[in-house]
């Protein structure tokens, strides 16, 4: 019996030692897990702070972009208004200059391949017309006026023949 008790005591002591070893291992593992949890919380806080900063920067960029877009729209509106002013001014100048007498064109153009009025090069798609009035010069479609049965004549001859039309 004493031997049996000694063996039971040794077994109990061995189990106690193993339990202590397991307890110590579990404590170490728990300390490691707590340390990892602490690092994870710190990382979470850093990520939350970085996310807030990124959101704040995105809002600032959006506000800046909105202001820039508004400025560009205002610039476009101003440019359109200026374009309309310039077009009105061009029309007014055209009306003023339309009645001005222009000198008679020379009877023979320098280059038969160019319009006598605007010096545009006659090409395959650019038709030339002989002025059916005074000058007999060769003119393009833009620089001529349709006279019906009489053909086309240059603008200068048309203005000299029909001053009341201008």
N, C-alpha and C. Protein backbone atom coordinates (compact mmCIF):
# COMPACT_ATOMS: atom_id res chain seq x y z
N UNK A 1 0.82 -1.18 0.00
CA UNK A 1 0.00 0.00 0.00
C UNK A 1 0.88 1.26 0.00
N UNK A 2 1.92 1.35 0.84
CA UNK A 2 2.73 2.53 0.78
C UNK A 2 3.36 2.72 -0.61
N UNK A 3 3.69 1.64 -1.22
CA UNK A 3 4.29 1.76 -2.54
C UNK A 3 3.24 2.26 -3.54
N UNK A 4 2.07 1.81 -3.38
CA UNK A 4 0.98 2.22 -4.25
C UNK A 4 0.69 3.70 -4.02
N UNK A 5 0.72 4.14 -2.74
CA UNK A 5 0.50 5.53 -2.43
C UNK A 5 1.64 6.39 -2.99
N UNK A 6 2.85 5.88 -2.90
CA UNK A 6 4.01 6.61 -3.41
C UNK A 6 3.89 6.74 -4.93
N UNK A 7 3.45 5.69 -5.57
CA UNK A 7 3.31 5.74 -7.02
C UNK A 7 2.17 6.68 -7.40
N UNK A 8 1.08 6.69 -6.63
CA UNK A 8 -0.01 7.61 -6.89
C UNK A 8 0.45 9.06 -6.64
N UNK A 9 1.23 9.26 -5.60
CA UNK A 9 1.75 10.59 -5.31
C UNK A 9 2.68 11.04 -6.42
N UNK A 10 3.54 10.12 -6.91
CA UNK A 10 4.45 10.46 -8.00
C UNK A 10 3.66 10.79 -9.25
N UNK A 11 2.62 10.04 -9.51
CA UNK A 11 1.77 10.29 -10.69
C UNK A 11 1.06 11.62 -10.53
N UNK A 12 0.55 11.89 -9.33
CA UNK A 12 -0.14 13.16 -9.09
C UNK A 12 0.83 14.31 -9.23
N UNK A 13 2.06 14.09 -8.72
CA UNK A 13 3.09 15.14 -8.82
C UNK A 13 3.46 15.36 -10.30
N UNK A 14 3.56 14.30 -11.05
CA UNK A 14 3.87 14.39 -12.48
C UNK A 14 2.74 15.12 -13.20
N UNK A 15 1.49 14.80 -12.89
CA UNK A 15 0.34 15.45 -13.51
C UNK A 15 0.30 16.93 -13.12
N UNK A 16 0.64 17.23 -11.86
CA UNK A 16 0.67 18.61 -11.40
C UNK A 16 1.74 19.38 -12.18
N UNK A 17 2.92 18.75 -12.34
CA UNK A 17 4.01 19.41 -13.08
C UNK A 17 3.58 19.66 -14.52
N UNK A 18 2.94 18.68 -15.16
CA UNK A 18 2.47 18.82 -16.54
C UNK A 18 1.39 19.91 -16.63
N UNK A 19 0.49 19.94 -15.63
CA UNK A 19 -0.56 20.96 -15.62
C UNK A 19 0.05 22.35 -15.49
N UNK A 20 1.09 22.44 -14.62
CA UNK A 20 1.78 23.74 -14.48
C UNK A 20 2.46 24.13 -15.79
N UNK A 21 3.07 23.15 -16.44
CA UNK A 21 3.73 23.43 -17.72
C UNK A 21 2.69 23.90 -18.76
N UNK A 22 1.54 23.22 -18.81
CA UNK A 22 0.48 23.61 -19.73
C UNK A 22 -0.06 24.99 -19.39
N UNK A 23 -0.23 25.24 -18.08
CA UNK A 23 -0.71 26.54 -17.63
C UNK A 23 0.26 27.64 -18.01
N UNK A 24 1.56 27.37 -17.83
CA UNK A 24 2.58 28.37 -18.19
C UNK A 24 2.59 28.59 -19.71
N UNK A 25 2.46 27.52 -20.48
CA UNK A 25 2.41 27.64 -21.94
C UNK A 25 1.17 28.44 -22.36
N UNK A 26 0.04 28.16 -21.71
CA UNK A 26 -1.18 28.87 -22.03
C UNK A 26 -1.07 30.35 -21.64
N UNK A 27 -0.41 30.64 -20.53
CA UNK A 27 -0.20 32.03 -20.12
C UNK A 27 0.68 32.76 -21.14
N UNK A 28 1.73 32.07 -21.60
CA UNK A 28 2.60 32.68 -22.62
C UNK A 28 1.83 32.92 -23.92
N UNK A 29 1.03 31.93 -24.29
CA UNK A 29 0.23 32.08 -25.50
C UNK A 29 -0.77 33.21 -25.34
N UNK A 30 -1.39 33.32 -24.13
CA UNK A 30 -2.34 34.39 -23.87
C UNK A 30 -1.63 35.75 -23.90
N UNK A 31 -0.41 35.84 -23.38
CA UNK A 31 0.36 37.09 -23.42
C UNK A 31 0.65 37.47 -24.87
N UNK A 32 1.02 36.49 -25.69
CA UNK A 32 1.29 36.76 -27.11
C UNK A 32 0.02 37.23 -27.81
N UNK A 33 -1.10 36.58 -27.53
CA UNK A 33 -2.36 36.97 -28.13
C UNK A 33 -2.78 38.38 -27.70
N UNK A 34 -2.56 38.71 -26.41
CA UNK A 34 -2.87 40.05 -25.94
C UNK A 34 -1.98 41.09 -26.64
N UNK A 35 -0.71 40.72 -26.82
CA UNK A 35 0.20 41.63 -27.51
C UNK A 35 -0.24 41.82 -28.96
N UNK A 36 -0.62 40.74 -29.64
CA UNK A 36 -1.12 40.82 -31.02
C UNK A 36 -2.40 41.65 -31.07
N UNK A 37 -3.29 41.45 -30.09
CA UNK A 37 -4.52 42.23 -30.03
C UNK A 37 -4.22 43.71 -29.86
N UNK A 38 -3.25 44.01 -29.01
CA UNK A 38 -2.85 45.41 -28.79
C UNK A 38 -2.31 46.01 -30.09
N UNK A 39 -1.45 45.27 -30.79
CA UNK A 39 -0.91 45.75 -32.08
C UNK A 39 -2.03 45.92 -33.10
N UNK A 40 -2.96 44.97 -33.12
CA UNK A 40 -4.08 45.06 -34.06
C UNK A 40 -4.94 46.29 -33.79
N UNK A 41 -5.16 46.57 -32.50
CA UNK A 41 -5.93 47.78 -32.14
C UNK A 41 -5.19 49.04 -32.60
N UNK A 42 -3.86 49.07 -32.37
CA UNK A 42 -3.07 50.22 -32.80
C UNK A 42 -3.12 50.37 -34.32
N UNK A 43 -2.99 49.23 -35.02
CA UNK A 43 -3.08 49.28 -36.49
C UNK A 43 -4.47 49.76 -36.92
N UNK A 44 -5.49 49.28 -36.22
CA UNK A 44 -6.85 49.71 -36.54
C UNK A 44 -7.02 51.20 -36.35
N UNK A 45 -6.46 51.72 -35.27
CA UNK A 45 -6.54 53.16 -35.01
C UNK A 45 -5.79 53.94 -36.08
N UNK A 46 -4.60 53.43 -36.46
CA UNK A 46 -3.83 54.10 -37.52
C UNK A 46 -4.59 54.07 -38.85
N UNK A 47 -5.19 52.92 -39.17
CA UNK A 47 -5.95 52.82 -40.42
C UNK A 47 -7.18 53.72 -40.39
N UNK A 48 -7.84 53.79 -39.23
CA UNK A 48 -9.01 54.67 -39.12
C UNK A 48 -8.59 56.12 -39.29
N UNK A 49 -7.47 56.50 -38.70
CA UNK A 49 -6.97 57.87 -38.84
C UNK A 49 -6.60 58.14 -40.30
N UNK A 50 -5.92 57.16 -40.95
CA UNK A 50 -5.53 57.34 -42.36
C UNK A 50 -6.78 57.43 -43.24
N UNK A 51 -7.81 56.64 -42.92
CA UNK A 51 -9.05 56.70 -43.68
C UNK A 51 -9.72 58.06 -43.52
N UNK A 52 -9.76 58.57 -42.30
CA UNK A 52 -10.35 59.90 -42.07
C UNK A 52 -9.58 60.97 -42.83
N UNK A 53 -8.26 60.89 -42.79
CA UNK A 53 -7.44 61.86 -43.51
C UNK A 53 -7.69 61.77 -45.02
N UNK A 54 -7.76 60.53 -45.55
CA UNK A 54 -8.01 60.35 -46.98
C UNK A 54 -9.39 60.89 -47.36
N UNK A 55 -10.38 60.67 -46.51
CA UNK A 55 -11.72 61.19 -46.79
C UNK A 55 -11.72 62.72 -46.76
N UNK A 56 -11.02 63.29 -45.80
CA UNK A 56 -10.93 64.75 -45.71
C UNK A 56 -10.24 65.31 -46.95
N UNK A 57 -9.14 64.68 -47.38
CA UNK A 57 -8.43 65.14 -48.58
C UNK A 57 -9.31 65.00 -49.82
N UNK A 58 -10.08 63.90 -49.89
CA UNK A 58 -10.97 63.70 -51.04
C UNK A 58 -12.04 64.79 -51.08
N UNK A 59 -12.57 65.14 -49.92
CA UNK A 59 -13.57 66.22 -49.87
C UNK A 59 -12.96 67.55 -50.29
N UNK A 60 -11.73 67.81 -49.86
CA UNK A 60 -11.05 69.05 -50.24
C UNK A 60 -10.80 69.07 -51.74
N UNK A 61 -10.35 67.92 -52.30
CA UNK A 61 -10.12 67.86 -53.75
C UNK A 61 -11.42 68.06 -54.51
N UNK A 62 -12.50 67.48 -54.02
CA UNK A 62 -13.79 67.63 -54.68
C UNK A 62 -14.25 69.08 -54.65
N UNK A 63 -14.04 69.74 -53.52
CA UNK A 63 -14.40 71.16 -53.42
C UNK A 63 -13.56 72.00 -54.38
N UNK A 64 -12.27 71.71 -54.44
CA UNK A 64 -11.37 72.43 -55.36
C UNK A 64 -11.78 72.18 -56.80
N UNK A 65 -12.10 70.92 -57.12
CA UNK A 65 -12.51 70.57 -58.48
C UNK A 65 -13.82 71.28 -58.83
N UNK A 66 -14.74 71.35 -57.89
CA UNK A 66 -16.01 72.05 -58.14
C UNK A 66 -15.78 73.53 -58.39
N UNK A 67 -14.90 74.13 -57.60
CA UNK A 67 -14.59 75.56 -57.80
C UNK A 67 -13.93 75.77 -59.15
N UNK A 68 -13.02 74.87 -59.53
CA UNK A 68 -12.33 74.99 -60.82
C UNK A 68 -13.32 74.83 -61.97
N UNK A 69 -14.23 73.88 -61.83
CA UNK A 69 -15.24 73.67 -62.87
C UNK A 69 -16.14 74.90 -63.00
N UNK A 70 -16.52 75.48 -61.89
CA UNK A 70 -17.35 76.69 -61.93
C UNK A 70 -16.59 77.83 -62.61
N UNK A 71 -15.29 77.96 -62.29
CA UNK A 71 -14.47 79.00 -62.90
C UNK A 71 -14.36 78.77 -64.41
N UNK A 72 -14.18 77.52 -64.83
CA UNK A 72 -14.09 77.22 -66.26
C UNK A 72 -15.41 77.50 -66.97
N UNK A 73 -16.53 77.18 -66.33
CA UNK A 73 -17.83 77.47 -66.94
C UNK A 73 -18.04 78.97 -67.08
N UNK A 74 -17.60 79.73 -66.09
CA UNK A 74 -17.70 81.18 -66.18
C UNK A 74 -16.82 81.71 -67.31
N UNK A 75 -15.62 81.14 -67.44
CA UNK A 75 -14.71 81.54 -68.51
C UNK A 75 -15.32 81.23 -69.88
N UNK A 76 -15.94 80.06 -70.01
CA UNK A 76 -16.59 79.69 -71.27
C UNK A 76 -17.73 80.66 -71.57
N UNK A 77 -18.52 80.98 -70.56
CA UNK A 77 -19.63 81.93 -70.76
C UNK A 77 -19.09 83.29 -71.21
N UNK A 78 -18.00 83.76 -70.56
CA UNK A 78 -17.40 85.03 -70.95
C UNK A 78 -16.87 84.98 -72.37
N UNK A 79 -16.27 83.84 -72.75
CA UNK A 79 -15.74 83.71 -74.11
C UNK A 79 -16.87 83.72 -75.14
N UNK A 80 -17.99 83.08 -74.82
CA UNK A 80 -19.13 83.08 -75.74
C UNK A 80 -19.67 84.49 -75.90
N UNK A 81 -19.76 85.22 -74.78
CA UNK A 81 -20.24 86.60 -74.86
C UNK A 81 -19.30 87.44 -75.71
N UNK A 82 -18.00 87.26 -75.52
CA UNK A 82 -17.01 88.01 -76.31
C UNK A 82 -17.11 87.64 -77.79
N UNK A 83 -17.33 86.34 -78.07
CA UNK A 83 -17.48 85.91 -79.45
C UNK A 83 -18.69 86.58 -80.10
N UNK A 84 -19.80 86.65 -79.36
CA UNK A 84 -20.98 87.32 -79.89
C UNK A 84 -20.71 88.80 -80.14
N UNK A 85 -19.99 89.45 -79.21
CA UNK A 85 -19.63 90.85 -79.41
C UNK A 85 -18.79 91.02 -80.67
N UNK A 86 -17.81 90.14 -80.85
CA UNK A 86 -16.95 90.23 -82.03
C UNK A 86 -17.73 89.98 -83.32
N UNK A 87 -18.68 89.04 -83.26
CA UNK A 87 -19.50 88.79 -84.45
C UNK A 87 -20.36 90.00 -84.78
N UNK A 88 -20.93 90.63 -83.75
CA UNK A 88 -21.73 91.84 -83.99
C UNK A 88 -20.85 92.96 -84.57
N UNK A 89 -19.65 93.08 -84.01
CA UNK A 89 -18.73 94.10 -84.50
C UNK A 89 -18.33 93.82 -85.95
N UNK A 90 -18.08 92.54 -86.27
CA UNK A 90 -17.74 92.17 -87.64
C UNK A 90 -18.88 92.50 -88.58
N UNK A 91 -20.12 92.17 -88.17
CA UNK A 91 -21.27 92.47 -89.01
C UNK A 91 -21.43 93.97 -89.22
N UNK A 92 -21.21 94.74 -88.16
CA UNK A 92 -21.32 96.20 -88.28
C UNK A 92 -20.25 96.73 -89.23
N UNK A 93 -19.03 96.22 -89.11
CA UNK A 93 -17.97 96.66 -90.02
C UNK A 93 -18.25 96.24 -91.45
N UNK A 94 -18.82 95.04 -91.62
CA UNK A 94 -19.15 94.58 -92.96
C UNK A 94 -20.20 95.49 -93.59
N UNK A 95 -21.20 95.88 -92.80
CA UNK A 95 -22.24 96.76 -93.32
C UNK A 95 -21.66 98.13 -93.67
N UNK A 96 -20.70 98.59 -92.88
CA UNK A 96 -20.08 99.88 -93.19
C UNK A 96 -19.26 99.81 -94.46
N UNK A 97 -18.55 98.73 -94.67
CA UNK A 97 -17.63 98.63 -95.82
C UNK A 97 -18.32 98.15 -97.09
N UNK A 98 -19.53 97.66 -96.98
CA UNK A 98 -20.20 97.11 -98.15
C UNK A 98 -20.50 98.20 -99.18
N UNK A 99 -20.74 99.41 -98.76
CA UNK A 99 -21.08 100.49 -99.69
C UNK A 99 -19.87 101.24 -100.23
N UNK A 100 -18.69 100.90 -99.77
CA UNK A 100 -17.48 101.61 -100.23
C UNK A 100 -17.17 101.20 -101.66
N UNK A 101 -16.91 102.21 -102.47
CA UNK A 101 -16.54 101.91 -103.86
C UNK A 101 -15.14 101.34 -103.88
N UNK A 102 -14.99 100.29 -104.65
CA UNK A 102 -13.67 99.66 -104.79
C UNK A 102 -13.17 99.93 -106.18
N UNK A 103 -11.87 99.97 -106.35
CA UNK A 103 -11.35 100.26 -107.68
C UNK A 103 -11.68 99.14 -108.66
N UNK A 104 -11.71 99.49 -109.91
CA UNK A 104 -11.99 98.55 -110.99
C UNK A 104 -10.84 97.54 -111.05
N UNK A 105 -11.16 96.25 -111.11
CA UNK A 105 -10.08 95.27 -111.19
C UNK A 105 -9.38 95.38 -112.54
N UNK A 106 -8.15 94.90 -112.54
CA UNK A 106 -7.41 94.95 -113.80
C UNK A 106 -8.08 94.02 -114.80
N UNK A 107 -7.98 94.36 -116.06
CA UNK A 107 -8.69 93.60 -117.09
C UNK A 107 -8.11 92.20 -117.25
N UNK A 108 -6.84 92.01 -116.96
CA UNK A 108 -6.24 90.69 -117.11
C UNK A 108 -5.61 90.29 -115.78
N UNK A 109 -6.04 89.21 -115.19
CA UNK A 109 -5.41 88.79 -113.93
C UNK A 109 -3.98 88.33 -114.16
N UNK A 110 -3.17 88.48 -113.12
CA UNK A 110 -1.76 88.11 -113.23
C UNK A 110 -1.59 86.63 -113.52
N UNK A 111 -2.34 85.80 -112.82
CA UNK A 111 -2.21 84.36 -112.97
C UNK A 111 -3.57 83.79 -113.32
N UNK A 112 -3.73 83.16 -114.49
CA UNK A 112 -5.05 82.65 -114.87
C UNK A 112 -5.52 81.52 -113.94
N UNK A 113 -4.65 80.95 -113.11
CA UNK A 113 -5.05 79.89 -112.18
C UNK A 113 -5.51 80.42 -110.84
N UNK A 114 -5.57 81.78 -110.68
CA UNK A 114 -5.99 82.37 -109.42
C UNK A 114 -7.20 83.26 -109.62
N UNK A 115 -8.03 83.37 -108.59
CA UNK A 115 -9.18 84.27 -108.63
C UNK A 115 -8.66 85.71 -108.68
N UNK A 116 -9.26 86.54 -109.54
CA UNK A 116 -8.83 87.93 -109.69
C UNK A 116 -9.12 88.74 -108.43
N UNK A 117 -10.08 88.31 -107.63
CA UNK A 117 -10.47 89.08 -106.45
C UNK A 117 -9.74 88.62 -105.18
N UNK A 118 -9.86 87.32 -104.83
CA UNK A 118 -9.29 86.84 -103.57
C UNK A 118 -8.00 86.04 -103.76
N UNK A 119 -7.60 85.83 -104.99
CA UNK A 119 -6.37 85.10 -105.34
C UNK A 119 -6.40 83.65 -104.87
N UNK A 120 -7.59 83.08 -104.78
CA UNK A 120 -7.74 81.67 -104.42
C UNK A 120 -7.33 80.84 -105.63
N UNK A 121 -6.66 79.73 -105.35
CA UNK A 121 -6.18 78.84 -106.41
C UNK A 121 -7.36 78.01 -106.92
N UNK A 122 -7.57 77.99 -108.23
CA UNK A 122 -8.63 77.17 -108.80
C UNK A 122 -8.17 75.73 -108.81
N UNK A 123 -8.98 74.88 -108.28
CA UNK A 123 -8.64 73.46 -108.23
C UNK A 123 -9.79 72.66 -108.81
N UNK A 124 -9.75 71.36 -108.57
CA UNK A 124 -10.76 70.48 -109.13
C UNK A 124 -12.16 70.83 -108.59
N UNK A 125 -12.26 71.12 -107.30
CA UNK A 125 -13.56 71.41 -106.69
C UNK A 125 -13.86 72.91 -106.64
N UNK A 126 -12.96 73.75 -107.05
CA UNK A 126 -13.14 75.19 -106.99
C UNK A 126 -13.34 75.70 -108.42
N UNK A 127 -14.57 75.99 -108.77
CA UNK A 127 -14.90 76.38 -110.15
C UNK A 127 -14.55 77.85 -110.42
N UNK A 128 -14.10 78.15 -111.62
CA UNK A 128 -13.81 79.54 -112.01
C UNK A 128 -14.91 80.03 -112.95
N UNK A 129 -15.22 81.32 -112.82
CA UNK A 129 -16.24 81.94 -113.65
C UNK A 129 -15.62 83.14 -114.35
N UNK A 130 -16.03 83.38 -115.59
CA UNK A 130 -15.64 84.59 -116.30
C UNK A 130 -16.64 85.67 -115.96
N UNK A 131 -16.14 86.83 -115.54
CA UNK A 131 -17.03 87.94 -115.21
C UNK A 131 -17.73 88.36 -116.51
N UNK A 132 -19.06 88.38 -116.49
CA UNK A 132 -19.82 88.68 -117.71
C UNK A 132 -20.05 90.18 -117.87
N UNK A 133 -19.41 91.01 -117.06
CA UNK A 133 -19.61 92.46 -117.13
C UNK A 133 -18.38 93.14 -117.70
N UNK A 134 -17.86 94.09 -116.97
CA UNK A 134 -16.84 94.98 -117.48
C UNK A 134 -15.44 94.36 -117.56
N UNK A 135 -15.01 93.68 -116.49
CA UNK A 135 -13.60 93.32 -116.40
C UNK A 135 -13.23 92.04 -117.13
N UNK A 136 -14.15 91.12 -117.31
CA UNK A 136 -13.90 89.83 -117.95
C UNK A 136 -12.85 88.99 -117.20
N UNK A 137 -12.65 89.29 -115.90
CA UNK A 137 -11.69 88.53 -115.11
C UNK A 137 -12.25 87.18 -114.68
N UNK A 138 -11.36 86.30 -114.24
CA UNK A 138 -11.78 84.99 -113.77
C UNK A 138 -11.91 85.06 -112.24
N UNK A 139 -13.10 84.70 -111.73
CA UNK A 139 -13.38 84.79 -110.30
C UNK A 139 -13.95 83.47 -109.79
N UNK A 140 -13.79 83.24 -108.47
CA UNK A 140 -14.34 82.02 -107.84
C UNK A 140 -15.81 82.23 -107.50
N UNK A 141 -16.44 81.19 -107.02
CA UNK A 141 -17.87 81.24 -106.68
C UNK A 141 -18.14 82.27 -105.58
N UNK A 142 -17.26 82.33 -104.59
CA UNK A 142 -17.45 83.24 -103.46
C UNK A 142 -17.37 84.70 -103.89
N UNK A 143 -16.50 84.99 -104.85
CA UNK A 143 -16.28 86.38 -105.28
C UNK A 143 -17.17 86.78 -106.45
N UNK A 144 -18.18 85.98 -106.76
CA UNK A 144 -19.05 86.30 -107.89
C UNK A 144 -20.51 86.30 -107.45
N UNK A 145 -21.36 86.92 -108.31
CA UNK A 145 -22.79 87.03 -108.04
C UNK A 145 -23.52 86.46 -109.25
N UNK A 146 -24.56 85.69 -108.98
CA UNK A 146 -25.35 85.09 -110.06
C UNK A 146 -26.26 86.16 -110.65
N UNK A 147 -26.15 86.39 -111.93
CA UNK A 147 -26.96 87.42 -112.61
C UNK A 147 -28.08 86.78 -113.43
N UNK A 148 -28.41 85.55 -113.13
CA UNK A 148 -29.49 84.87 -113.84
C UNK A 148 -29.08 84.50 -115.25
N UNK A 149 -29.86 84.96 -116.26
CA UNK A 149 -29.59 84.63 -117.67
C UNK A 149 -28.27 85.21 -118.15
N UNK A 150 -27.80 86.26 -117.50
CA UNK A 150 -26.58 86.94 -117.94
C UNK A 150 -25.33 86.27 -117.40
N UNK A 151 -25.44 85.19 -116.64
CA UNK A 151 -24.27 84.49 -116.10
C UNK A 151 -23.88 85.05 -114.74
N UNK A 152 -22.60 84.99 -114.44
CA UNK A 152 -22.11 85.48 -113.15
C UNK A 152 -21.16 86.65 -113.41
N UNK A 153 -21.07 87.55 -112.45
CA UNK A 153 -20.10 88.63 -112.55
C UNK A 153 -19.43 88.82 -111.21
N UNK A 154 -18.26 89.45 -111.21
CA UNK A 154 -17.54 89.65 -109.95
C UNK A 154 -18.28 90.69 -109.10
N UNK A 155 -18.00 90.68 -107.81
CA UNK A 155 -18.69 91.57 -106.88
C UNK A 155 -18.44 93.04 -107.20
N UNK A 156 -17.23 93.36 -107.63
CA UNK A 156 -16.89 94.76 -107.93
C UNK A 156 -17.74 95.27 -109.08
N UNK A 157 -17.82 94.48 -110.16
CA UNK A 157 -18.63 94.90 -111.31
C UNK A 157 -20.11 94.97 -110.93
N UNK A 158 -20.56 94.04 -110.10
CA UNK A 158 -21.95 94.04 -109.66
C UNK A 158 -22.26 95.30 -108.86
N UNK A 159 -21.34 95.69 -107.96
CA UNK A 159 -21.56 96.89 -107.15
C UNK A 159 -21.52 98.15 -108.02
N UNK A 160 -20.67 98.18 -109.03
CA UNK A 160 -20.59 99.35 -109.88
C UNK A 160 -21.81 99.45 -110.80
N UNK A 161 -22.34 98.30 -111.20
CA UNK A 161 -23.50 98.28 -112.09
C UNK A 161 -24.78 98.55 -111.32
N UNK A 162 -24.83 98.07 -110.06
CA UNK A 162 -26.05 98.15 -109.27
C UNK A 162 -25.76 98.78 -107.92
N UNK A 163 -25.42 100.04 -107.84
CA UNK A 163 -25.08 100.65 -106.54
C UNK A 163 -26.25 100.67 -105.56
N UNK A 164 -27.48 100.65 -106.08
CA UNK A 164 -28.62 100.66 -105.17
C UNK A 164 -28.79 99.33 -104.46
N UNK A 165 -28.19 98.24 -104.95
CA UNK A 165 -28.33 96.92 -104.33
C UNK A 165 -27.53 96.84 -103.05
N UNK A 166 -26.52 97.69 -102.90
CA UNK A 166 -25.67 97.65 -101.70
C UNK A 166 -26.20 98.59 -100.70
